[in-house]
N, C-alpha and C. Protein backbone atom coordinates (compact mmCIF):
# COMPACT_ATOMS: atom_id res chain seq x y z
N MET A 1 -218.79 51.82 -266.22
CA MET A 1 -217.60 52.91 -265.20
C MET A 1 -218.63 52.63 -263.93
N GLN A 2 -217.46 51.72 -262.79
CA GLN A 2 -217.72 51.77 -261.49
C GLN A 2 -217.59 53.18 -260.72
N PHE A 3 -218.22 53.13 -259.87
CA PHE A 3 -217.73 54.16 -259.09
C PHE A 3 -217.14 54.28 -257.77
N MET A 4 -216.31 54.70 -256.54
CA MET A 4 -215.94 54.04 -255.60
C MET A 4 -216.93 54.87 -254.51
N THR A 5 -217.33 53.98 -253.41
CA THR A 5 -217.50 54.12 -252.63
C THR A 5 -217.53 55.20 -251.79
N ARG A 6 -217.60 56.29 -251.52
CA ARG A 6 -217.10 57.46 -250.61
C ARG A 6 -217.89 57.57 -248.96
N ARG A 7 -216.48 56.64 -247.90
CA ARG A 7 -216.82 57.13 -246.63
C ARG A 7 -216.25 58.31 -245.41
N VAL A 8 -216.80 58.49 -244.90
CA VAL A 8 -215.72 59.67 -244.04
C VAL A 8 -215.67 58.81 -243.18
N ILE A 9 -214.32 59.30 -242.42
CA ILE A 9 -213.20 58.04 -241.15
C ILE A 9 -214.28 58.78 -240.41
N SER A 10 -214.44 57.98 -239.03
CA SER A 10 -215.53 58.91 -238.26
C SER A 10 -214.94 57.77 -236.70
N GLY A 11 -213.73 57.02 -236.95
CA GLY A 11 -214.02 56.81 -235.01
C GLY A 11 -213.44 57.28 -234.05
N ARG A 12 -212.55 56.79 -233.26
CA ARG A 12 -212.22 57.05 -232.13
C ARG A 12 -210.28 57.72 -232.56
N TYR A 13 -209.94 57.26 -234.01
CA TYR A 13 -208.74 57.82 -233.70
C TYR A 13 -208.64 58.32 -235.20
N ALA A 14 -209.99 59.20 -235.65
CA ALA A 14 -210.22 59.64 -237.11
C ALA A 14 -209.14 60.29 -237.47
N ASP A 15 -208.26 60.81 -236.72
CA ASP A 15 -206.90 61.88 -237.07
C ASP A 15 -205.81 61.37 -237.69
N SER A 16 -205.17 59.72 -237.09
CA SER A 16 -204.43 58.89 -237.76
C SER A 16 -205.02 58.30 -238.66
N ALA A 17 -206.35 57.62 -238.57
CA ALA A 17 -206.87 57.07 -239.80
C ALA A 17 -206.47 58.06 -241.34
N THR A 18 -206.59 58.75 -241.04
CA THR A 18 -206.84 60.17 -242.11
C THR A 18 -205.28 60.06 -241.90
N ARG A 19 -204.43 60.36 -241.34
CA ARG A 19 -202.88 60.40 -242.39
C ARG A 19 -202.75 59.14 -242.65
N LEU A 20 -203.28 58.07 -242.30
CA LEU A 20 -202.43 56.68 -242.26
C LEU A 20 -203.36 56.41 -244.06
N ARG A 21 -204.75 57.22 -244.48
CA ARG A 21 -205.18 56.86 -245.50
C ARG A 21 -204.45 58.33 -246.69
N ALA A 22 -204.07 58.78 -246.40
CA ALA A 22 -203.54 59.74 -247.18
C ALA A 22 -202.28 60.06 -247.08
N VAL A 23 -201.50 58.91 -246.61
CA VAL A 23 -200.07 57.90 -247.18
C VAL A 23 -200.22 57.08 -247.56
N ARG A 24 -201.37 56.08 -247.94
CA ARG A 24 -200.70 55.20 -248.64
C ARG A 24 -201.25 55.49 -250.08
N LYS A 25 -202.34 56.80 -250.22
CA LYS A 25 -202.67 57.35 -251.61
C LYS A 25 -201.11 57.61 -252.05
N TYR A 26 -200.40 58.33 -250.94
CA TYR A 26 -199.56 58.82 -251.56
C TYR A 26 -198.40 58.18 -252.35
N PHE A 27 -198.50 56.80 -252.16
CA PHE A 27 -197.93 55.32 -252.78
C PHE A 27 -198.76 54.94 -253.14
N GLY A 28 -199.94 55.42 -253.74
CA GLY A 28 -200.76 55.31 -254.95
C GLY A 28 -201.21 53.35 -254.62
N MET A 29 -201.50 53.24 -253.78
CA MET A 29 -201.56 51.29 -253.55
C MET A 29 -203.32 50.92 -252.40
N ASN A 30 -203.79 50.27 -252.64
CA ASN A 30 -205.16 50.28 -252.50
C ASN A 30 -204.30 49.72 -250.51
N GLN A 31 -205.49 49.50 -249.79
CA GLN A 31 -205.36 48.43 -248.20
C GLN A 31 -204.48 47.34 -248.49
N LYS A 32 -204.25 46.76 -249.58
CA LYS A 32 -204.49 45.75 -249.21
C LYS A 32 -202.85 45.59 -249.29
N ASP A 33 -202.47 45.72 -250.39
CA ASP A 33 -201.02 45.60 -251.10
C ASP A 33 -200.48 46.73 -250.23
N PHE A 34 -200.82 47.80 -249.62
CA PHE A 34 -199.97 48.52 -248.44
C PHE A 34 -200.28 47.93 -247.44
N ALA A 35 -200.89 46.83 -246.40
CA ALA A 35 -200.71 46.64 -245.50
C ALA A 35 -199.75 45.05 -245.87
N ALA A 36 -200.15 44.21 -247.22
CA ALA A 36 -198.68 43.37 -246.97
C ALA A 36 -197.03 43.73 -247.53
N ASN A 37 -197.08 45.05 -247.62
CA ASN A 37 -195.91 45.29 -247.99
C ASN A 37 -195.21 45.58 -246.94
N ALA A 38 -195.84 45.68 -246.17
CA ALA A 38 -195.31 46.16 -244.41
C ALA A 38 -195.01 44.90 -244.05
N ASP A 39 -195.64 44.13 -244.03
CA ASP A 39 -196.09 42.70 -242.92
C ASP A 39 -196.99 42.99 -241.97
N ILE A 40 -197.81 43.79 -242.58
CA ILE A 40 -199.33 43.80 -241.32
C ILE A 40 -200.31 42.91 -242.24
N GLN A 41 -201.13 42.34 -241.26
CA GLN A 41 -202.11 42.07 -241.80
C GLN A 41 -203.43 42.72 -242.10
N TYR A 42 -203.73 42.63 -243.30
CA TYR A 42 -205.03 43.34 -244.10
C TYR A 42 -205.68 43.43 -242.74
N LYS A 43 -206.48 43.20 -242.31
CA LYS A 43 -207.74 43.35 -240.91
C LYS A 43 -207.00 43.59 -240.18
N SER A 44 -206.05 44.38 -239.58
CA SER A 44 -205.84 45.08 -238.64
C SER A 44 -205.38 46.23 -239.24
N TYR A 45 -204.98 46.77 -240.58
CA TYR A 45 -204.62 47.67 -241.21
C TYR A 45 -206.46 47.97 -241.52
N ASN A 46 -207.16 47.83 -241.97
CA ASN A 46 -208.04 47.80 -242.66
C ASN A 46 -209.02 48.64 -241.42
N GLN A 47 -208.86 48.18 -239.71
CA GLN A 47 -209.54 49.00 -238.42
C GLN A 47 -208.57 50.02 -237.82
N TRP A 48 -207.27 49.88 -238.40
CA TRP A 48 -206.63 51.47 -238.00
C TRP A 48 -207.05 52.51 -239.09
N GLU A 49 -207.25 51.96 -240.21
CA GLU A 49 -207.24 52.93 -241.37
C GLU A 49 -209.29 53.31 -241.76
N SER A 50 -209.92 52.58 -240.50
CA SER A 50 -211.59 52.98 -240.29
C SER A 50 -211.47 54.02 -238.54
N GLY A 51 -210.59 53.84 -238.43
CA GLY A 51 -210.35 54.68 -237.46
C GLY A 51 -210.95 53.97 -235.70
N ASP A 52 -211.50 53.05 -236.03
CA ASP A 52 -211.77 51.90 -235.01
C ASP A 52 -211.05 51.75 -233.98
N PHE A 53 -209.77 51.47 -234.50
CA PHE A 53 -208.70 51.03 -233.36
C PHE A 53 -207.93 51.73 -233.65
N ARG A 54 -206.74 52.29 -232.60
CA ARG A 54 -205.10 52.64 -232.54
C ARG A 54 -204.78 51.69 -232.94
N VAL A 55 -203.14 52.48 -234.38
CA VAL A 55 -202.09 51.29 -234.84
C VAL A 55 -201.19 51.42 -233.77
N SER A 56 -201.30 50.00 -233.51
CA SER A 56 -200.31 49.19 -232.64
C SER A 56 -198.65 49.96 -232.64
N ILE A 57 -198.10 49.83 -231.67
CA ILE A 57 -196.71 49.93 -231.65
C ILE A 57 -196.14 49.29 -232.44
N PRO A 58 -195.91 47.91 -232.86
CA PRO A 58 -195.76 46.73 -233.38
C PRO A 58 -195.59 47.31 -235.18
N GLY A 59 -196.99 47.88 -235.00
CA GLY A 59 -197.33 48.03 -236.61
C GLY A 59 -196.96 49.74 -237.31
N ALA A 60 -196.86 50.18 -236.80
CA ALA A 60 -196.02 51.49 -236.07
C ALA A 60 -195.17 51.90 -236.88
N ILE A 61 -194.03 50.45 -236.16
CA ILE A 61 -192.75 50.23 -236.07
C ILE A 61 -192.46 50.03 -237.85
N LYS A 62 -193.97 48.66 -237.75
CA LYS A 62 -193.52 47.93 -239.33
C LYS A 62 -193.55 49.12 -240.31
N LEU A 63 -194.44 49.98 -240.35
CA LEU A 63 -194.93 51.05 -241.75
C LEU A 63 -193.64 51.93 -241.47
N ARG A 64 -193.06 52.59 -240.15
CA ARG A 64 -191.98 53.89 -240.51
C ARG A 64 -190.98 52.67 -241.42
N GLU A 65 -190.51 51.22 -240.96
CA GLU A 65 -189.59 50.72 -241.71
C GLU A 65 -189.81 50.20 -242.98
N ARG A 66 -190.94 50.64 -243.20
CA ARG A 66 -191.76 50.20 -245.29
C ARG A 66 -191.66 50.95 -245.74
N TYR A 67 -192.82 52.46 -245.36
CA TYR A 67 -192.82 53.61 -245.57
C TYR A 67 -191.69 54.89 -245.26
N GLY A 68 -190.94 54.59 -244.58
CA GLY A 68 -190.43 56.18 -243.51
C GLY A 68 -191.49 56.84 -243.56
N ILE A 69 -192.55 56.51 -243.00
CA ILE A 69 -193.36 57.95 -241.99
C ILE A 69 -192.96 57.38 -240.65
N SER A 70 -192.57 58.85 -240.08
CA SER A 70 -192.08 58.38 -238.39
C SER A 70 -193.51 58.62 -237.64
N MET A 71 -192.99 57.57 -236.42
CA MET A 71 -194.50 57.27 -235.62
C MET A 71 -194.78 58.70 -234.97
N ASP A 72 -194.18 59.94 -234.92
CA ASP A 72 -194.73 61.31 -234.76
C ASP A 72 -195.89 61.57 -235.42
N PHE A 73 -195.79 61.75 -236.72
CA PHE A 73 -196.38 61.57 -238.27
C PHE A 73 -198.00 60.80 -237.96
N ILE A 74 -197.66 59.53 -237.45
CA ILE A 74 -199.15 58.23 -237.47
C ILE A 74 -199.59 58.83 -236.36
N TYR A 75 -199.32 58.84 -235.00
CA TYR A 75 -200.02 59.14 -233.73
C TYR A 75 -199.99 60.71 -233.54
N ILE A 76 -199.37 61.26 -233.77
CA ILE A 76 -199.60 63.04 -233.50
C ILE A 76 -199.93 64.38 -234.76
N GLY A 77 -199.67 63.57 -235.48
CA GLY A 77 -199.93 64.73 -236.99
C GLY A 77 -198.35 65.26 -237.28
N ASN A 78 -197.18 65.03 -236.56
CA ASN A 78 -196.60 66.08 -236.55
C ASN A 78 -195.66 65.79 -237.94
N ILE A 79 -196.08 66.83 -238.96
CA ILE A 79 -195.52 66.56 -240.25
C ILE A 79 -194.52 66.63 -240.62
N ASP A 80 -193.69 67.75 -240.09
CA ASP A 80 -192.05 68.05 -239.82
C ASP A 80 -191.47 66.98 -239.77
N ALA A 81 -191.37 65.74 -238.82
CA ALA A 81 -190.88 64.07 -239.01
C ALA A 81 -190.68 63.71 -239.92
N LEU A 82 -191.27 64.07 -241.09
CA LEU A 82 -191.01 63.32 -242.44
C LEU A 82 -190.13 64.33 -243.60
N PRO A 83 -189.90 63.06 -244.46
CA PRO A 83 -189.03 63.67 -245.36
C PRO A 83 -189.66 64.73 -246.13
N THR A 84 -189.15 65.87 -246.72
CA THR A 84 -189.51 67.42 -246.81
C THR A 84 -190.62 66.96 -248.31
N LYS A 85 -190.34 66.02 -249.35
CA LYS A 85 -191.18 65.72 -250.08
C LYS A 85 -192.51 65.46 -249.88
N MET A 86 -191.98 64.01 -249.09
CA MET A 86 -193.24 62.96 -248.78
C MET A 86 -194.03 64.45 -248.05
N ALA A 87 -193.72 64.91 -246.91
CA ALA A 87 -194.76 65.90 -245.85
C ALA A 87 -195.41 66.76 -247.30
N ASN A 88 -194.79 67.72 -248.38
CA ASN A 88 -195.48 68.56 -248.92
C ASN A 88 -196.78 68.07 -250.01
N GLU A 89 -196.10 66.94 -249.97
CA GLU A 89 -197.45 66.04 -251.05
C GLU A 89 -198.23 65.23 -250.40
N LEU A 90 -198.32 65.24 -248.75
CA LEU A 90 -199.15 65.01 -247.82
C LEU A 90 -200.40 65.93 -247.42
N MET A 91 -199.57 67.31 -247.26
CA MET A 91 -200.08 68.49 -246.80
C MET A 91 -201.20 68.45 -248.00
N SER A 92 -200.66 68.87 -249.30
CA SER A 92 -201.54 68.91 -250.01
C SER A 92 -203.02 67.69 -250.40
N ILE A 93 -202.38 66.59 -249.76
CA ILE A 93 -203.81 65.22 -250.02
C ILE A 93 -204.12 65.62 -248.57
N LEU A 94 -203.94 65.77 -247.73
CA LEU A 94 -204.88 66.02 -246.31
C LEU A 94 -205.76 67.77 -246.95
N ARG A 95 -205.43 68.50 -247.47
CA ARG A 95 -206.32 69.27 -247.51
C ARG A 95 -206.95 69.48 -248.16
N ASP A 96 -207.33 68.39 -249.43
CA ASP A 96 -207.71 68.12 -250.18
C ASP A 96 -208.78 67.17 -249.74
N ASN A 97 -208.46 66.19 -248.67
CA ASN A 97 -209.41 65.10 -248.18
C ASN A 97 -210.35 66.58 -247.48
N ALA A 98 -209.78 66.95 -246.66
CA ALA A 98 -210.50 67.88 -245.58
C ALA A 98 -211.76 68.80 -246.28
N SER A 99 -211.43 69.04 -247.90
CA SER A 99 -212.31 69.99 -248.34
C SER A 99 -213.57 69.60 -249.15
N ASN A 100 -212.97 68.18 -249.40
CA ASN A 100 -214.16 67.51 -249.85
C ASN A 100 -215.01 66.88 -248.56
N LYS A 101 -214.47 66.83 -247.82
CA LYS A 101 -215.09 66.01 -246.62
C LYS A 101 -215.52 64.85 -246.42
N SER A 102 -215.15 64.27 -247.38
CA SER A 102 -215.45 62.21 -247.84
C SER A 102 -213.53 62.06 -247.91
N ASN A 103 -213.51 60.11 -248.31
CA ASN A 103 -212.77 59.58 -248.14
C ASN A 103 -213.56 58.69 -248.84
N ASP A 104 -212.13 57.51 -249.62
CA ASP A 104 -212.62 56.67 -250.26
C ASP A 104 -212.96 55.03 -249.62
N ASN A 105 -213.13 54.26 -250.06
CA ASN A 105 -213.19 53.32 -249.57
C ASN A 105 -212.19 51.75 -249.16
N GLY A 106 -211.20 52.65 -249.84
CA GLY A 106 -209.94 51.69 -249.07
C GLY A 106 -208.73 51.51 -250.83
N ASP A 107 -210.11 52.01 -252.26
CA ASP A 107 -209.11 51.09 -253.35
C ASP A 107 -208.51 52.69 -253.95
N VAL A 108 -207.58 52.70 -254.38
CA VAL A 108 -206.96 53.96 -254.97
C VAL A 108 -207.65 54.42 -256.37
């Protein structure tokens, strides 16, 4: 059995990175597929989810268009700007992540 390496998001933009990771988990995708489906380069997406780099405006727009997540949620965490079902499930994912104090390495 293979175990996923766990790592804590710790970059300057850790809050938005945590939200991106929660959205990706909500859709049940790994980083490469999630980025590719939004027409975003994997390297860029990986840097955003690491928390070391801020999501670019064009990247946020692509995520909005593909996955329906608001830019308010990406940048400032306004969960009320999301569809209700998604918001409820993301609150649960984010709560679980906070209680575990750890995150995965990008795999589902």
